[in-house]
Protein backbone atom coordinates (compact mmCIF):
# COMPACT_ATOMS: atom_id res chain seq x y z
CA MET A 1 0.00 0.00 0.00
CA SER A 2 1.26 3.47 -0.82
CA PRO A 3 1.73 5.84 2.11
CA VAL A 4 -0.94 8.44 2.66
CA LYS A 5 0.29 11.84 1.55
CA PRO A 6 -0.63 14.71 3.84
CA GLU A 7 -2.64 17.48 2.28
CA THR A 8 -0.48 20.37 1.21
CA GLY A 9 -1.57 23.66 2.73
CA PRO A 10 -0.34 27.15 1.98
CA LYS A 11 3.42 27.43 1.98
CA ARG A 12 4.67 29.32 5.03
CA VAL A 13 7.88 31.30 5.19
CA PRO A 14 10.11 30.41 8.19
CA VAL A 15 10.82 33.13 10.76
CA ALA A 16 14.53 33.34 9.79
CA ASP A 17 13.61 33.95 6.14
CA ARG A 18 10.99 36.54 7.09
CA LEU A 19 13.50 38.36 9.27
CA ALA A 20 16.08 38.36 6.45
CA LEU A 21 13.49 39.89 4.12
CA LEU A 22 12.56 42.54 6.68
CA LEU A 23 16.23 43.47 7.11
CA ASP A 24 16.36 43.96 3.34
CA VAL A 25 13.13 45.88 2.73
CA PHE A 26 13.64 48.18 5.73
CA SER A 27 17.09 49.13 4.45
CA PRO A 28 17.39 52.51 2.69
CA TRP A 29 20.27 51.13 0.59
CA ASP A 30 20.02 48.97 -2.53
CA GLY A 31 21.62 45.56 -2.08
CA ILE A 32 22.62 46.18 1.56
CA SER A 33 20.51 44.73 4.38
CA LEU A 34 20.25 46.28 7.82
CA SER A 35 22.13 44.79 10.76
CA TYR A 36 20.14 43.65 13.80
CA ARG A 37 21.18 46.84 15.60
CA GLN A 38 20.06 49.02 12.68
CA PHE A 39 16.74 47.18 12.46
CA ALA A 40 16.16 47.74 16.18
CA ALA A 41 16.79 51.45 15.62
CA ALA A 42 14.42 51.46 12.61
CA LEU A 43 11.69 50.09 14.91
CA GLY A 44 12.15 53.07 17.20
CA GLY A 45 14.21 51.36 19.88
CA ALA A 46 11.19 49.37 21.17
CA VAL A 47 13.20 46.13 20.78
CA THR A 48 16.85 45.37 21.39
CA GLU A 49 19.49 43.89 19.15
CA ALA A 50 19.77 40.93 21.55
CA ALA A 51 16.02 40.22 21.23
CA ILE A 52 16.18 40.31 17.43
CA LYS A 53 19.02 37.77 17.42
CA LYS A 54 16.69 35.27 19.14
CA TRP A 55 13.86 35.60 16.61
CA PRO A 56 15.20 33.16 13.97
CA HIS A 57 15.04 30.39 16.60
CA ARG A 58 11.40 31.07 17.52
CA GLU A 59 8.28 29.67 15.87
CA LYS A 60 6.87 33.16 15.31
CA PHE A 61 7.51 36.79 16.04
CA PRO A 62 6.10 38.17 19.31
CA ALA A 63 2.62 39.59 18.54
CA ASP A 64 3.36 43.07 19.92
CA VAL A 65 6.57 43.28 17.85
CA ALA A 66 4.77 42.00 14.75
CA ARG A 67 2.22 44.82 15.03
CA LEU A 68 5.06 47.31 15.52
CA ILE A 69 6.82 46.02 12.39
CA VAL A 70 3.64 46.33 10.30
CA THR A 71 2.92 49.82 11.64
CA ARG A 72 6.48 51.00 10.99
CA ALA A 73 6.42 49.50 7.48
CA LYS A 74 3.23 51.45 6.70
CA GLU A 75 4.77 54.66 8.06
CA LEU A 76 7.82 54.16 5.84
CA GLY A 77 5.71 53.26 2.79
CA ILE A 78 7.01 49.68 2.55
CA PRO A 79 4.29 47.60 0.80
CA ASP A 80 3.12 44.01 1.46
CA VAL A 81 4.33 43.77 5.08
CA THR A 82 1.10 42.37 6.55
CA LEU A 83 0.38 41.11 10.06
CA GLU A 84 -0.53 37.67 8.69
CA TRP A 85 2.81 37.41 6.90
CA VAL A 86 4.91 38.69 9.81
CA LEU A 87 3.21 36.49 12.41
CA TRP A 88 2.55 33.29 10.47
CA GLY A 89 4.28 33.58 7.10
CA GLU A 90 0.93 33.54 5.31
CA GLY A 91 0.52 35.36 2.00
CA LEU A 92 3.05 36.69 -0.46
CA GLY A 93 4.80 39.21 1.76
CA PRO A 94 7.37 41.75 0.52
CA LYS A 95 9.91 40.96 -2.17
CA LYS A 96 13.65 41.45 -1.77
CA GLY A 97 14.67 44.81 -3.14
CA THR A 98 11.15 46.25 -2.73
CA LYS A 99 11.15 50.01 -3.12
CA LYS A 100 9.24 52.18 -0.73
CA VAL A 101 5.96 53.66 -1.93
CA PRO A 102 5.14 57.32 -1.19
CA GLN A 103 2.72 57.45 1.75
CA GLN A 104 0.27 59.78 -0.03
CA ALA A 105 -0.06 57.44 -3.02
CA GLN A 106 -0.53 54.47 -0.68
CA GLN A 107 -3.28 56.26 1.27
CA HIS A 108 -5.15 57.16 -1.94
CA GLU A 109 -4.94 53.55 -3.12
CA HIS A 110 -6.39 52.28 0.18
CA GLN A 111 -9.28 54.74 0.00
CA GLU A 112 -10.12 53.59 -3.54
CA LEU A 113 -10.00 49.95 -2.41
CA ALA A 114 -12.40 50.60 0.49
CA ALA A 115 -14.82 52.44 -1.81
CA SER A 116 -14.77 49.67 -4.43
CA ILE A 117 -15.39 46.97 -1.78
CA SER A 118 -18.33 48.96 -0.41
CA GLU A 119 -19.86 49.42 -3.87
CA ALA A 120 -19.43 45.74 -4.80
CA LEU A 121 -21.12 44.63 -1.55
CA ARG A 122 -23.96 47.11 -2.04
CA THR A 123 -24.59 45.82 -5.57
CA ASP A 124 -24.46 42.14 -4.64
CA LEU A 125 -26.52 42.42 -1.46
CA ALA A 126 -29.22 44.43 -3.28
CA HIS A 127 -30.03 41.24 -5.22
CA ASN A 128 -33.20 39.74 -3.78
CA GLU A 129 -34.80 37.92 -6.70
CA PHE A 130 -36.21 35.03 -4.64
CA GLY A 131 -36.77 36.84 -1.35
CA GLN A 132 -33.53 35.52 0.19
CA TRP A 133 -33.59 38.10 2.99
CA SER A 134 -36.53 36.30 4.57
CA SER A 135 -34.20 33.34 5.17
CA VAL A 136 -32.61 33.24 8.63
CA GLU A 137 -29.80 31.16 7.10
CA VAL A 138 -28.88 34.00 4.73
CA GLN A 139 -29.09 36.59 7.51
CA ARG A 140 -26.90 34.54 9.85
CA THR A 141 -24.33 33.91 7.11
CA LEU A 142 -24.09 37.62 6.41
CA VAL A 143 -23.81 38.63 10.07
CA TRP A 144 -21.14 36.03 10.89
CA SER A 145 -19.15 36.90 7.77
CA LEU A 146 -19.19 40.62 8.58
CA LYS A 147 -18.24 39.91 12.19
CA ASP A 148 -15.31 37.77 11.05
CA LEU A 149 -14.15 40.54 8.71
CA ALA A 150 -14.52 43.17 11.44
CA ARG A 151 -12.50 41.12 13.95
CA ARG A 152 -9.68 40.55 11.48
CA LEU A 153 -9.50 44.23 10.60
CA TRP A 154 -9.76 45.18 14.29
CA VAL A 155 -6.61 43.13 14.90
CA LEU A 156 -4.95 45.19 12.17
CA ARG A 157 -5.86 48.36 14.08
CA PHE A 158 -8.93 49.47 12.14
CA PRO A 159 -11.52 50.74 14.68
CA MET A 160 -14.46 48.71 13.20
CA SER A 161 -16.81 50.11 15.89
CA GLU A 162 -19.54 50.96 13.36
CA THR A 163 -19.39 47.47 11.82
CA PHE A 164 -19.55 45.81 15.26
CA LYS A 165 -22.50 48.02 16.20
CA LEU A 166 -24.32 47.20 12.96
CA THR A 167 -23.77 43.43 13.17
CA ASP A 168 -24.79 43.37 16.84
CA GLU A 169 -28.05 45.15 15.98
CA TRP A 170 -28.76 42.74 13.12
CA GLY A 171 -27.72 39.74 15.19
CA THR A 172 -30.01 40.71 18.07
CA LYS A 173 -32.99 40.86 15.69
CA ILE A 174 -32.42 37.28 14.49
CA GLY A 175 -31.45 35.86 17.88
CA LEU A 176 -27.65 35.74 17.61
CA PRO A 177 -25.43 36.51 20.61
CA SER A 178 -23.67 39.88 20.50
CA ARG A 179 -20.34 40.95 21.90
CA SER A 180 -19.08 44.46 22.57
CA LEU A 181 -15.93 45.85 20.98
CA ALA A 182 -14.29 45.97 24.42
CA SER A 183 -14.61 42.19 24.71
CA ALA A 184 -13.54 41.48 21.13
CA PRO A 185 -10.96 38.69 20.71
CA GLY A 186 -7.25 39.17 21.16
CA PRO A 187 -4.67 39.47 18.37
CA ASP A 188 -4.34 35.72 17.89
CA ASP A 189 -8.07 34.93 17.86
CA PHE A 190 -9.36 35.25 14.30
CA SER A 191 -12.28 32.86 14.70
CA ALA A 192 -15.76 34.22 14.25
CA ALA A 193 -17.52 30.90 13.75
CA PRO A 194 -20.97 30.76 15.34
CA PRO A 195 -21.21 28.67 18.51
CA ALA A 196 -22.54 25.16 18.12
CA THR A 197 -26.23 24.59 18.92
CA PRO A 198 -28.07 21.37 19.67
CA GLN A 199 -29.26 21.37 16.06
CA GLY A 200 -25.63 21.61 14.88
CA ARG A 201 -26.16 24.97 13.18
């Protein structure tokens, strides 16, 4: 019998490789990476050179440092340094030799993206050919999906208070539990799956 092959999931970048990339993309010089001491200085002195030297031997970056790295990358206009990539190696991440993007151009691009997402949702959710909105299943799916999105973006430091307020109001009307923003999950809790019920729904 042939051995069972494990399913191949998304390829994750090891911490040491992620750190090497960060040393490169944070560098102001072409072809020259930052030293650990220089990287610590680039992060505003919130971490030490000694701490950075230990990171390649860890399974993941500390969560508070990961958020600091992402925030600093945005401030410097370094694209594709996401929290998911820094923490877990998920996604494409930055490329070696990436050039910094002017902050104003980056901000305009983000505003356009938010507007296009809003318009696409408005168009799709306006569709009600067969009276889908009368279905509790559809309403629950929408509320849980929006809550999941809001929690993920809240972790990335978007306020999301209006989205939480909206989904809590909708959820209350159809009998779903609500949770205030103050008790929203921590940085490592991305799950927004509805709790199990006796009916398994």
